[in-house]
PDB file of N, CA and C in Angstrom:
ATOM      1  N   UNK A   1      17.203 -17.853  -1.393  1.00  0.00           N
ATOM      2  CA  UNK A   1      15.761 -16.918  -0.823  1.00  0.00           C
ATOM      3  C   UNK A   1      14.731 -17.985  -1.982  1.00  0.00           C
ATOM      4  N   UNK A   2      14.299 -18.460  -0.971  1.00  0.00           N
ATOM      5  CA  UNK A   2      12.576 -19.263  -1.294  1.00  0.00           C
ATOM      6  C   UNK A   2      11.743 -18.585  -2.473  1.00  0.00           C
ATOM      7  N   UNK A   3      11.463 -19.380  -3.239  1.00  0.00           N
ATOM      8  CA  UNK A   3      10.475 -18.197  -5.123  1.00  0.00           C
ATOM      9  C   UNK A   3       9.030 -18.532  -3.295  1.00  0.00           C
ATOM     10  N   UNK A   4       8.366 -17.530  -3.436  1.00  0.00           N
ATOM     11  CA  UNK A   4       7.081 -17.613  -3.037  1.00  0.00           C
ATOM     12  C   UNK A   4       5.937 -17.134  -3.792  1.00  0.00           C
ATOM     13  N   UNK A   5       4.752 -17.740  -3.547  1.00  0.00           N
ATOM     14  CA  UNK A   5       3.601 -17.572  -4.504  1.00  0.00           C
ATOM     15  C   UNK A   5       2.456 -17.509  -3.948  1.00  0.00           C
ATOM     16  N   UNK A   6       1.161 -16.940  -4.964  1.00  0.00           N
ATOM     17  CA  UNK A   6       0.336 -16.595  -3.793  1.00  0.00           C
ATOM     18  C   UNK A   6      -0.288 -17.404  -3.148  1.00  0.00           C
ATOM     19  N   UNK A   7      -0.103 -19.034  -3.658  1.00  0.00           N
ATOM     20  CA  UNK A   7      -0.799 -20.147  -3.689  1.00  0.00           C
ATOM     21  C   UNK A   7       0.635 -20.766  -2.295  1.00  0.00           C
ATOM     22  N   UNK A   8       1.331 -20.265  -1.923  1.00  0.00           N
ATOM     23  CA  UNK A   8       1.845 -20.607  -0.860  1.00  0.00           C
ATOM     24  C   UNK A   8       0.941 -19.192   0.793  1.00  0.00           C
ATOM     25  N   UNK A   9       0.787 -18.044   0.117  1.00  0.00           N
ATOM     26  CA  UNK A   9       0.175 -17.326   1.109  1.00  0.00           C
ATOM     27  C   UNK A   9      -0.665 -17.991   2.146  1.00  0.00           C
ATOM     28  N   UNK A  10      -0.600 -17.559   3.637  1.00  0.00           N
ATOM     29  CA  UNK A  10      -1.473 -17.875   4.676  1.00  0.00           C
ATOM     30  C   UNK A  10      -2.610 -17.479   4.282  1.00  0.00           C
ATOM     31  N   UNK A  11      -2.760 -15.863   3.807  1.00  0.00           N
ATOM     32  CA  UNK A  11      -4.340 -15.722   3.498  1.00  0.00           C
ATOM     33  C   UNK A  11      -4.697 -15.998   2.470  1.00  0.00           C
ATOM     34  N   UNK A  12      -3.995 -16.603   1.309  1.00  0.00           N
ATOM     35  CA  UNK A  12      -4.588 -16.946   0.003  1.00  0.00           C
ATOM     36  C   UNK A  12      -5.189 -18.848   0.467  1.00  0.00           C
ATOM     37  N   UNK A  13      -4.314 -19.409   1.473  1.00  0.00           N
ATOM     38  CA  UNK A  13      -4.857 -20.734   1.450  1.00  0.00           C
ATOM     39  C   UNK A  13      -6.183 -20.903   2.265  1.00  0.00           C
ATOM     40  N   UNK A  14      -6.123 -19.578   3.147  1.00  0.00           N
ATOM     41  CA  UNK A  14      -7.579 -19.699   3.796  1.00  0.00           C
ATOM     42  C   UNK A  14      -8.520 -18.775   3.396  1.00  0.00           C
ATOM     43  N   UNK A  15      -8.538 -18.359   2.183  1.00  0.00           N
ATOM     44  CA  UNK A  15      -9.378 -17.226   1.381  1.00  0.00           C
ATOM     45  C   UNK A  15      -9.646 -16.131   2.361  1.00  0.00           C
ATOM     46  N   UNK A  16      -8.556 -15.259   2.337  1.00  0.00           N
ATOM     47  CA  UNK A  16      -8.802 -14.324   3.077  1.00  0.00           C
ATOM     48  C   UNK A  16      -8.035 -13.356   1.985  1.00  0.00           C
ATOM     49  N   UNK A  17      -7.039 -13.268   1.195  1.00  0.00           N
ATOM     50  CA  UNK A  17      -6.885 -12.554   0.600  1.00  0.00           C
ATOM     51  C   UNK A  17      -8.488 -11.975  -0.912  1.00  0.00           C
ATOM     52  N   UNK A  18      -8.332 -10.650  -0.924  1.00  0.00           N
ATOM     53  CA  UNK A  18      -8.832  -9.532  -1.085  1.00  0.00           C
ATOM     54  C   UNK A  18      -8.502  -9.823  -2.493  1.00  0.00           C
ATOM     55  N   UNK A  19      -7.268  -9.822  -3.047  1.00  0.00           N
ATOM     56  CA  UNK A  19      -6.523  -9.291  -4.392  1.00  0.00           C
ATOM     57  C   UNK A  19      -6.425 -10.784  -5.277  1.00  0.00           C
ATOM     58  N   UNK A  20      -6.964  -9.953  -6.290  1.00  0.00           N
ATOM     59  CA  UNK A  20      -6.836 -11.366  -8.076  1.00  0.00           C
ATOM     60  C   UNK A  20      -5.792 -10.581  -8.490  1.00  0.00           C
ATOM     61  N   UNK A  21      -4.412 -11.320  -7.744  1.00  0.00           N
ATOM     62  CA  UNK A  21      -2.673 -11.496  -8.354  1.00  0.00           C
ATOM     63  C   UNK A  21      -2.277 -12.801  -8.661  1.00  0.00           C
ATOM     64  N   UNK A  22      -1.107 -12.978  -9.182  1.00  0.00           N
ATOM     65  CA  UNK A  22      -0.332 -14.352  -9.457  1.00  0.00           C
ATOM     66  C   UNK A  22       1.008 -14.233  -8.729  1.00  0.00           C
ATOM     67  N   UNK A  23       0.954 -12.945  -8.553  1.00  0.00           N
ATOM     68  CA  UNK A  23       2.509 -12.649  -7.283  1.00  0.00           C
ATOM     69  C   UNK A  23       1.768 -12.443  -5.987  1.00  0.00           C
ATOM     70  N   UNK A  24       3.461 -12.453  -5.581  1.00  0.00           N
ATOM     71  CA  UNK A  24       2.890 -12.126  -3.992  1.00  0.00           C
ATOM     72  C   UNK A  24       2.796 -10.892  -4.155  1.00  0.00           C
ATOM     73  N   UNK A  25       2.227 -10.074  -2.551  1.00  0.00           N
ATOM     74  CA  UNK A  25       2.127  -8.883  -2.429  1.00  0.00           C
ATOM     75  C   UNK A  25       2.698  -8.486  -1.292  1.00  0.00           C
ATOM     76  N   UNK A  26       3.071  -7.006  -0.440  1.00  0.00           N
ATOM     77  CA  UNK A  26       3.856  -6.882   0.920  1.00  0.00           C
ATOM     78  C   UNK A  26       3.006  -7.820   1.415  1.00  0.00           C
ATOM     79  N   UNK A  27       1.982  -7.927   1.635  1.00  0.00           N
ATOM     80  CA  UNK A  27       1.545  -8.532   2.470  1.00  0.00           C
ATOM     81  C   UNK A  27       1.496 -10.069   2.334  1.00  0.00           C
ATOM     82  N   UNK A  28       2.898 -10.786   2.378  1.00  0.00           N
ATOM     83  CA  UNK A  28       2.687 -12.305   1.968  1.00  0.00           C
ATOM     84  C   UNK A  28       3.059 -12.611   3.426  1.00  0.00           C
ATOM     85  N   UNK A  29       2.079 -13.550   3.955  1.00  0.00           N
ATOM     86  CA  UNK A  29       3.064 -14.631   4.877  1.00  0.00           C
ATOM     87  C   UNK A  29       2.771 -15.932   4.799  1.00  0.00           C
ATOM     88  N   UNK A  30       3.612 -17.123   4.936  1.00  0.00           N
ATOM     89  CA  UNK A  30       3.924 -17.966   4.447  1.00  0.00           C
ATOM     90  C   UNK A  30       3.030 -18.955   5.463  1.00  0.00           C
ATOM     91  N   UNK A  31       2.095 -20.054   4.418  1.00  0.00           N
ATOM     92  CA  UNK A  31       0.794 -20.828   5.130  1.00  0.00           C
ATOM     93  C   UNK A  31       2.074 -21.719   5.610  1.00  0.00           C
ATOM     94  N   UNK A  32       1.304 -22.082   7.040  1.00  0.00           N
ATOM     95  CA  UNK A  32       2.350 -23.215   8.286  1.00  0.00           C
ATOM     96  C   UNK A  32       1.389 -23.869   8.582  1.00  0.00           C
ATOM     97  N   UNK A  33       1.983 -25.047   9.354  1.00  0.00           N
ATOM     98  CA  UNK A  33       1.395 -25.856  10.026  1.00  0.00           C
ATOM     99  C   UNK A  33       0.349 -25.142  11.237  1.00  0.00           C
ATOM    100  N   UNK A  34       1.768 -24.102  11.743  1.00  0.00           N
ATOM    101  CA  UNK A  34       1.085 -23.019  13.037  1.00  0.00           C
ATOM    102  C   UNK A  34       0.582 -22.075  13.105  1.00  0.00           C
ATOM    103  N   UNK A  35       0.465 -22.059  11.889  1.00  0.00           N
ATOM    104  CA  UNK A  35      -0.641 -20.902  11.738  1.00  0.00           C
ATOM    105  C   UNK A  35      -0.063 -19.571  11.342  1.00  0.00           C
ATOM    106  N   UNK A  36      -1.005 -18.202  11.633  1.00  0.00           N
ATOM    107  CA  UNK A  36       0.043 -17.144  10.532  1.00  0.00           C
ATOM    108  C   UNK A  36       1.400 -16.941  11.894  1.00  0.00           C
ATOM    109  N   UNK A  37       2.125 -16.532  11.677  1.00  0.00           N
ATOM    110  CA  UNK A  37       3.529 -16.010  12.322  1.00  0.00           C
ATOM    111  C   UNK A  37       4.036 -14.321  11.753  1.00  0.00           C
ATOM    112  N   UNK A  38       3.653 -13.663  12.586  1.00  0.00           N
ATOM    113  CA  UNK A  38       4.071 -11.939  12.612  1.00  0.00           C
ATOM    114  C   UNK A  38       5.665 -11.946  12.016  1.00  0.00           C
ATOM    115  N   UNK A  39       5.874 -11.272  10.919  1.00  0.00           N
ATOM    116  CA  UNK A  39       7.287 -10.592  10.902  1.00  0.00           C
ATOM    117  C   UNK A  39       8.153 -10.166  11.999  1.00  0.00           C
ATOM    118  N   UNK A  40       8.781 -10.658  11.671  1.00  0.00           N
ATOM    119  CA  UNK A  40      10.443 -10.031  12.459  1.00  0.00           C
ATOM    120  C   UNK A  40      10.543  -8.776  13.158  1.00  0.00           C
ATOM    121  N   UNK A  41      10.331  -8.348  14.056  1.00  0.00           N
ATOM    122  CA  UNK A  41      10.970  -6.829  14.229  1.00  0.00           C
ATOM    123  C   UNK A  41      12.199  -6.079  14.632  1.00  0.00           C
ATOM    124  N   UNK A  42      12.316  -4.952  14.000  1.00  0.00           N
ATOM    125  CA  UNK A  42      13.499  -4.611  14.038  1.00  0.00           C
ATOM    126  C   UNK A  42      14.046  -4.429  15.863  1.00  0.00           C
ATOM    127  N   UNK A  43      15.079  -4.653  16.369  1.00  0.00           N
ATOM    128  CA  UNK A  43      15.468  -4.320  17.610  1.00  0.00           C
ATOM    129  C   UNK A  43      15.159  -2.800  17.686  1.00  0.00           C
ATOM    130  N   UNK A  44      15.080  -2.680  18.989  1.00  0.00           N
ATOM    131  CA  UNK A  44      14.680  -0.819  19.408  1.00  0.00           C
ATOM    132  C   UNK A  44      15.920  -0.441  19.994  1.00  0.00           C
ATOM    133  N   UNK A  45      16.594   0.545  19.261  1.00  0.00           N
ATOM    134  CA  UNK A  45      18.075   1.274  20.153  1.00  0.00           C
ATOM    135  C   UNK A  45      17.551   2.172  20.531  1.00  0.00           C
ATOM    136  N   UNK A  46      18.124   2.046  22.241  1.00  0.00           N
ATOM    137  CA  UNK A  46      17.295   4.111  23.113  1.00  0.00           C
ATOM    138  C   UNK A  46      18.821   4.840  21.528  1.00  0.00           C
ATOM    139  N   UNK A  47      18.373   5.650  21.704  1.00  0.00           N
ATOM    140  CA  UNK A  47      19.033   6.631  20.869  1.00  0.00           C
ATOM    141  C   UNK A  47      18.582   7.877  22.107  1.00  0.00           C
ATOM    142  N   UNK A  48      20.515   8.737  21.951  1.00  0.00           N
ATOM    143  CA  UNK A  48      20.766   9.292  23.021  1.00  0.00           C
ATOM    144  C   UNK A  48      19.419  10.846  22.996  1.00  0.00           C
ATOM    145  N   UNK A  49      19.217  11.464  23.392  1.00  0.00           N
ATOM    146  CA  UNK A  49      18.827  12.792  23.975  1.00  0.00           C
ATOM    147  C   UNK A  49      19.500  13.672  24.098  1.00  0.00           C
ATOM    148  N   UNK A  50      18.789  15.195  24.154  1.00  0.00           N
ATOM    149  CA  UNK A  50      20.036  16.558  24.096  1.00  0.00           C
ATOM    150  C   UNK A  50      20.028  16.115  25.827  1.00  0.00           C
ATOM    151  N   UNK A  51      18.892  15.976  26.229  1.00  0.00           N
ATOM    152  CA  UNK A  51      18.458  15.750  28.294  1.00  0.00           C
ATOM    153  C   UNK A  51      19.208  14.874  28.482  1.00  0.00           C
ATOM    154  N   UNK A  52      20.292  13.738  28.372  1.00  0.00           N
ATOM    155  CA  UNK A  52      20.867  12.488  28.556  1.00  0.00           C
ATOM    156  C   UNK A  52      22.242  13.143  29.424  1.00  0.00           C
ATOM    157  N   UNK A  53      23.266  14.338  28.765  1.00  0.00           N
ATOM    158  CA  UNK A  53      24.184  14.788  29.082  1.00  0.00           C
ATOM    159  C   UNK A  53      24.339  15.456  30.394  1.00  0.00           C
ATOM    160  N   UNK A  54      22.858  16.215  30.049  1.00  0.00           N
ATOM    161  CA  UNK A  54      22.435  17.612  32.054  1.00  0.00           C
ATOM    162  C   UNK A  54      22.070  16.132  32.695  1.00  0.00           C
ATOM    163  N   UNK A  55      21.141  15.055  32.119  1.00  0.00           N
ATOM    164  CA  UNK A  55      20.959  14.421  33.526  1.00  0.00           C
ATOM    165  C   UNK A  55      22.274  13.303  34.537  1.00  0.00           C
ATOM    166  N   UNK A  56      22.783  13.376  33.315  1.00  0.00           N
ATOM    167  CA  UNK A  56      24.479  12.384  33.861  1.00  0.00           C
ATOM    168  C   UNK A  56      24.916  13.318  34.275  1.00  0.00           C
ATOM    169  N   UNK A  57      25.182  14.585  34.717  1.00  0.00           N
ATOM    170  CA  UNK A  57      25.983  15.628  35.025  1.00  0.00           C
ATOM    171  C   UNK A  57      25.122  15.745  35.896  1.00  0.00           C
ATOM    172  N   UNK A  58      23.771  15.789  35.785  1.00  0.00           N
ATOM    173  CA  UNK A  58      23.101  16.093  37.666  1.00  0.00           C
ATOM    174  C   UNK A  58      23.093  15.292  38.506  1.00  0.00           C
ATOM    175  N   UNK A  59      23.880  14.126  38.757  1.00  0.00           N
ATOM    176  CA  UNK A  59      23.667  13.045  39.605  1.00  0.00           C
ATOM    177  C   UNK A  59      25.218  12.923  40.444  1.00  0.00           C
TER     178      UNK A  59
END
């Protein structure tokens, strides 16, 4: 993993950061040519419910 610094952050690079810190914070997003890229989201996994066995038996 590469070392992150505030001067590499999108918000710092565009004068949008309101924090007076030297280390990256939880909202760090890399400053890229293609702009602000959202962080990857976790996959949604369908969880079984208590009603699923009843629905399967009814069909």
